[in-house]
């Protein structure tokens, strides 16, 4: 059977929110795991909706029903959150406490989805909590390289994202 299409590279900034999911501790829920195929719900920062991510580790295939995946064609933060959670991508967990409880949706809307502005706001929050932005950006670079090296393919057909805030 021929593999599905490869995923486009996501912007590095999406990894900030991926780490935010793990920092919040209550936003990722594994709903099924048969040893090869894992499905998880990744809750939005408002907790008013969740995205479904399915990952077939053996074939390096993944699908998520988030907005970036559906509308733009790259894997959004829910998929990379699951990969980080599963250990497919290694990272320094000491950065997480500085990324908890960030209102991502509110910040993105305030900035009209200008991710450069949102990144600046998030880095200001990170610093205000005692984090060192140089360490964070170095870690993001390491995570991004690992994500690129995973060589991920699409798992099945894209699915519409959930509605809600």
C-alpha atoms as a PDB file:
ATOM      1  CA  UNK A   1       0.000   0.000   0.000  1.00  0.00           C
ATOM      2  CA  UNK A   2       1.316   3.426  -0.946  1.00  0.00           C
ATOM      3  CA  UNK A   3       1.943   5.949   1.802  1.00  0.00           C
ATOM      4  CA  UNK A   4      -0.194   9.039   2.121  1.00  0.00           C
ATOM      5  CA  UNK A   5       1.090  12.524   1.413  1.00  0.00           C
ATOM      6  CA  UNK A   6       3.829  13.964   3.642  1.00  0.00           C
ATOM      7  CA  UNK A   7       2.947  16.805   5.977  1.00  0.00           C
ATOM      8  CA  UNK A   8       4.117  20.339   5.256  1.00  0.00           C
ATOM      9  CA  UNK A   9       6.414  21.956   7.804  1.00  0.00           C
ATOM     10  CA  UNK A  10       4.576  23.873  10.506  1.00  0.00           C
ATOM     11  CA  UNK A  11       5.824  27.245  11.710  1.00  0.00           C
ATOM     12  CA  UNK A  12       8.115  26.942  14.722  1.00  0.00           C
ATOM     13  CA  UNK A  13       5.757  29.123  16.697  1.00  0.00           C
ATOM     14  CA  UNK A  14       3.162  26.330  16.828  1.00  0.00           C
ATOM     15  CA  UNK A  15       5.532  24.412  19.099  1.00  0.00           C
ATOM     16  CA  UNK A  16       5.075  27.007  21.842  1.00  0.00           C
ATOM     17  CA  UNK A  17       1.428  26.040  22.189  1.00  0.00           C
ATOM     18  CA  UNK A  18       2.274  22.346  21.873  1.00  0.00           C
ATOM     19  CA  UNK A  19       4.415  22.732  24.963  1.00  0.00           C
ATOM     20  CA  UNK A  20       1.628  24.768  26.569  1.00  0.00           C
ATOM     21  CA  UNK A  21      -0.704  21.780  26.221  1.00  0.00           C
ATOM     22  CA  UNK A  22       1.734  19.644  28.205  1.00  0.00           C
ATOM     23  CA  UNK A  23       2.336  22.411  30.747  1.00  0.00           C
ATOM     24  CA  UNK A  24      -1.390  22.594  31.492  1.00  0.00           C
ATOM     25  CA  UNK A  25      -1.515  18.862  32.313  1.00  0.00           C
ATOM     26  CA  UNK A  26      -5.296  18.605  31.786  1.00  0.00           C
ATOM     27  CA  UNK A  27      -5.438  19.332  28.055  1.00  0.00           C
ATOM     28  CA  UNK A  28      -4.239  15.979  26.661  1.00  0.00           C
ATOM     29  CA  UNK A  29      -6.270  12.819  27.132  1.00  0.00           C
ATOM     30  CA  UNK A  30      -5.358   9.492  25.498  1.00  0.00           C
ATOM     31  CA  UNK A  31      -8.671   7.891  24.512  1.00  0.00           C
ATOM     32  CA  UNK A  32      -7.371   4.717  22.853  1.00  0.00           C
ATOM     33  CA  UNK A  33      -4.043   2.941  22.494  1.00  0.00           C
ATOM     34  CA  UNK A  34      -3.745  -0.467  20.859  1.00  0.00           C
ATOM     35  CA  UNK A  35       0.056  -0.431  20.908  1.00  0.00           C
ATOM     36  CA  UNK A  36       0.443   0.893  17.369  1.00  0.00           C
ATOM     37  CA  UNK A  37      -2.376   3.384  16.865  1.00  0.00           C
ATOM     38  CA  UNK A  38      -2.949   6.003  19.542  1.00  0.00           C
ATOM     39  CA  UNK A  39      -5.831   8.460  19.603  1.00  0.00           C
ATOM     40  CA  UNK A  40      -5.932  11.451  21.917  1.00  0.00           C
ATOM     41  CA  UNK A  41      -8.118  14.462  22.571  1.00  0.00           C
ATOM     42  CA  UNK A  42      -6.218  17.720  22.843  1.00  0.00           C
ATOM     43  CA  UNK A  43      -8.320  20.363  24.569  1.00  0.00           C
ATOM     44  CA  UNK A  44      -8.138  24.002  23.519  1.00  0.00           C
ATOM     45  CA  UNK A  45      -6.771  26.530  25.997  1.00  0.00           C
ATOM     46  CA  UNK A  46     -10.370  27.586  26.780  1.00  0.00           C
ATOM     47  CA  UNK A  47     -11.229  23.898  27.391  1.00  0.00           C
ATOM     48  CA  UNK A  48     -14.446  24.484  25.411  1.00  0.00           C
ATOM     49  CA  UNK A  49     -13.542  22.085  22.592  1.00  0.00           C
ATOM     50  CA  UNK A  50     -11.039  19.369  21.776  1.00  0.00           C
ATOM     51  CA  UNK A  51      -9.186  18.166  18.718  1.00  0.00           C
ATOM     52  CA  UNK A  52      -8.772  14.498  17.878  1.00  0.00           C
ATOM     53  CA  UNK A  53      -5.281  13.327  16.980  1.00  0.00           C
ATOM     54  CA  UNK A  54      -4.548   9.807  15.751  1.00  0.00           C
ATOM     55  CA  UNK A  55      -0.990   8.546  15.385  1.00  0.00           C
ATOM     56  CA  UNK A  56       0.147   5.253  13.840  1.00  0.00           C
ATOM     57  CA  UNK A  57       3.699   5.054  15.145  1.00  0.00           C
ATOM     58  CA  UNK A  58       4.804   2.075  13.075  1.00  0.00           C
ATOM     59  CA  UNK A  59       4.011   3.841   9.789  1.00  0.00           C
ATOM     60  CA  UNK A  60       4.803   7.376  11.024  1.00  0.00           C
ATOM     61  CA  UNK A  61       1.310   8.507   9.990  1.00  0.00           C
ATOM     62  CA  UNK A  62      -0.671  11.117  11.904  1.00  0.00           C
ATOM     63  CA  UNK A  63      -3.908  13.072  11.552  1.00  0.00           C
ATOM     64  CA  UNK A  64      -5.421  15.904  13.537  1.00  0.00           C
ATOM     65  CA  UNK A  65      -8.647  17.825  13.040  1.00  0.00           C
ATOM     66  CA  UNK A  66      -7.326  21.238  14.094  1.00  0.00           C
ATOM     67  CA  UNK A  67      -7.670  24.423  12.036  1.00  0.00           C
ATOM     68  CA  UNK A  68      -4.060  24.536  10.775  1.00  0.00           C
ATOM     69  CA  UNK A  69      -4.259  20.954   9.550  1.00  0.00           C
ATOM     70  CA  UNK A  70      -7.633  21.415   7.854  1.00  0.00           C
ATOM     71  CA  UNK A  71      -7.316  24.905   6.397  1.00  0.00           C
ATOM     72  CA  UNK A  72      -3.577  25.405   5.851  1.00  0.00           C
ATOM     73  CA  UNK A  73      -2.222  21.877   5.416  1.00  0.00           C
ATOM     74  CA  UNK A  74       0.430  21.543   8.097  1.00  0.00           C
ATOM     75  CA  UNK A  75       0.237  19.725  11.394  1.00  0.00           C
ATOM     76  CA  UNK A  76      -0.927  22.104  14.076  1.00  0.00           C
ATOM     77  CA  UNK A  77      -0.132  22.168  17.758  1.00  0.00           C
ATOM     78  CA  UNK A  78      -2.409  19.250  18.781  1.00  0.00           C
ATOM     79  CA  UNK A  79      -0.405  16.732  16.726  1.00  0.00           C
ATOM     80  CA  UNK A  80       2.995  17.903  17.934  1.00  0.00           C
ATOM     81  CA  UNK A  81       1.627  17.920  21.507  1.00  0.00           C
ATOM     82  CA  UNK A  82       0.859  14.220  21.214  1.00  0.00           C
ATOM     83  CA  UNK A  83       4.277  13.479  19.699  1.00  0.00           C
ATOM     84  CA  UNK A  84       5.976  15.312  22.573  1.00  0.00           C
ATOM     85  CA  UNK A  85       3.785  13.502  25.122  1.00  0.00           C
ATOM     86  CA  UNK A  86       4.633  10.105  23.626  1.00  0.00           C
ATOM     87  CA  UNK A  87       8.361  10.808  23.644  1.00  0.00           C
ATOM     88  CA  UNK A  88       8.653  10.706  19.851  1.00  0.00           C
ATOM     89  CA  UNK A  89      10.227  14.129  20.287  1.00  0.00           C
ATOM     90  CA  UNK A  90      12.536  14.726  23.248  1.00  0.00           C
ATOM     91  CA  UNK A  91      12.508  18.008  25.146  1.00  0.00           C
ATOM     92  CA  UNK A  92      13.564  19.599  28.416  1.00  0.00           C
ATOM     93  CA  UNK A  93      10.529  19.463  30.701  1.00  0.00           C
ATOM     94  CA  UNK A  94      11.966  22.199  32.939  1.00  0.00           C
ATOM     95  CA  UNK A  95      10.531  24.820  30.553  1.00  0.00           C
ATOM     96  CA  UNK A  96       6.917  23.712  31.104  1.00  0.00           C
ATOM     97  CA  UNK A  97       6.055  25.577  34.336  1.00  0.00           C
ATOM     98  CA  UNK A  98       6.585  28.889  32.540  1.00  0.00           C
ATOM     99  CA  UNK A  99       4.098  27.954  29.788  1.00  0.00           C
ATOM    100  CA  UNK A 100       1.117  26.885  31.886  1.00  0.00           C
ATOM    101  CA  UNK A 101      -2.314  28.485  31.712  1.00  0.00           C
ATOM    102  CA  UNK A 102      -1.579  30.780  28.785  1.00  0.00           C
ATOM    103  CA  UNK A 103      -4.837  31.924  27.097  1.00  0.00           C
ATOM    104  CA  UNK A 104      -3.663  31.127  23.558  1.00  0.00           C
ATOM    105  CA  UNK A 105      -6.956  31.752  21.788  1.00  0.00           C
ATOM    106  CA  UNK A 106      -7.417  35.129  23.483  1.00  0.00           C
ATOM    107  CA  UNK A 107      -3.871  36.218  22.630  1.00  0.00           C
ATOM    108  CA  UNK A 108      -4.204  35.059  19.014  1.00  0.00           C
ATOM    109  CA  UNK A 109      -7.497  36.908  18.615  1.00  0.00           C
ATOM    110  CA  UNK A 110      -6.134  40.076  20.216  1.00  0.00           C
ATOM    111  CA  UNK A 111      -3.262  39.950  17.713  1.00  0.00           C
ATOM    112  CA  UNK A 112      -5.528  39.031  14.773  1.00  0.00           C
ATOM    113  CA  UNK A 113      -3.602  35.750  14.354  1.00  0.00           C
ATOM    114  CA  UNK A 114      -0.311  37.585  13.809  1.00  0.00           C
ATOM    115  CA  UNK A 115       1.873  34.820  15.219  1.00  0.00           C
ATOM    116  CA  UNK A 116       4.903  37.102  15.544  1.00  0.00           C
ATOM    117  CA  UNK A 117       2.965  39.347  17.911  1.00  0.00           C
ATOM    118  CA  UNK A 118       1.530  36.360  19.749  1.00  0.00           C
ATOM    119  CA  UNK A 119       5.011  34.881  20.140  1.00  0.00           C
ATOM    120  CA  UNK A 120       6.228  38.176  21.635  1.00  0.00           C
ATOM    121  CA  UNK A 121       3.287  38.186  24.081  1.00  0.00           C
ATOM    122  CA  UNK A 122       3.908  34.560  25.076  1.00  0.00           C
ATOM    123  CA  UNK A 123       7.630  35.186  25.552  1.00  0.00           C
ATOM    124  CA  UNK A 124       6.757  38.167  27.790  1.00  0.00           C
ATOM    125  CA  UNK A 125       4.489  35.908  29.888  1.00  0.00           C
ATOM    126  CA  UNK A 126       7.210  33.246  29.964  1.00  0.00           C
ATOM    127  CA  UNK A 127       9.737  35.816  31.224  1.00  0.00           C
ATOM    128  CA  UNK A 128       7.289  37.247  33.774  1.00  0.00           C
ATOM    129  CA  UNK A 129       6.980  33.739  35.267  1.00  0.00           C
ATOM    130  CA  UNK A 130      10.756  33.512  35.639  1.00  0.00           C
ATOM    131  CA  UNK A 131      11.628  31.671  32.437  1.00  0.00           C
ATOM    132  CA  UNK A 132      14.679  32.404  30.277  1.00  0.00           C
ATOM    133  CA  UNK A 133      13.546  33.015  26.678  1.00  0.00           C
ATOM    134  CA  UNK A 134      16.969  32.038  25.307  1.00  0.00           C
ATOM    135  CA  UNK A 135      16.558  28.576  26.821  1.00  0.00           C
ATOM    136  CA  UNK A 136      13.008  28.345  25.457  1.00  0.00           C
ATOM    137  CA  UNK A 137      13.955  29.332  21.898  1.00  0.00           C
ATOM    138  CA  UNK A 138      16.920  26.940  21.926  1.00  0.00           C
ATOM    139  CA  UNK A 139      14.570  24.144  23.028  1.00  0.00           C
ATOM    140  CA  UNK A 140      12.028  25.076  20.328  1.00  0.00           C
ATOM    141  CA  UNK A 141      14.819  24.828  17.722  1.00  0.00           C
ATOM    142  CA  UNK A 142      15.766  21.329  18.966  1.00  0.00           C
ATOM    143  CA  UNK A 143      12.138  20.196  18.942  1.00  0.00           C
ATOM    144  CA  UNK A 144      11.588  21.605  15.450  1.00  0.00           C
ATOM    145  CA  UNK A 145      14.568  19.688  14.038  1.00  0.00           C
ATOM    146  CA  UNK A 146      13.313  16.458  15.590  1.00  0.00           C
ATOM    147  CA  UNK A 147       9.843  17.041  14.161  1.00  0.00           C
ATOM    148  CA  UNK A 148      11.315  17.569  10.686  1.00  0.00           C
ATOM    149  CA  UNK A 149      13.317  14.353  11.011  1.00  0.00           C
ATOM    150  CA  UNK A 150      10.231  12.287  11.898  1.00  0.00           C
ATOM    151  CA  UNK A 151       9.182  12.406   8.222  1.00  0.00           C
ATOM    152  CA  UNK A 152       5.468  12.177   9.002  1.00  0.00           C
ATOM    153  CA  UNK A 153       2.734  11.212   6.572  1.00  0.00           C
ATOM    154  CA  UNK A 154      -0.983  11.897   6.566  1.00  0.00           C
ATOM    155  CA  UNK A 155      -3.132   9.227   8.168  1.00  0.00           C
ATOM    156  CA  UNK A 156      -6.335   8.985   6.170  1.00  0.00           C
ATOM    157  CA  UNK A 157      -8.405  11.922   5.015  1.00  0.00           C
ATOM    158  CA  UNK A 158      -8.473  15.304   6.684  1.00  0.00           C
ATOM    159  CA  UNK A 159     -11.371  15.909   9.058  1.00  0.00           C
ATOM    160  CA  UNK A 160     -13.149  19.189   9.779  1.00  0.00           C
ATOM    161  CA  UNK A 161     -12.184  20.948  12.994  1.00  0.00           C
ATOM    162  CA  UNK A 162     -14.693  21.276  15.812  1.00  0.00           C
ATOM    163  CA  UNK A 163     -16.555  24.533  16.214  1.00  0.00           C
ATOM    164  CA  UNK A 164     -16.414  26.644  19.337  1.00  0.00           C
ATOM    165  CA  UNK A 165     -14.114  28.919  21.246  1.00  0.00           C
END
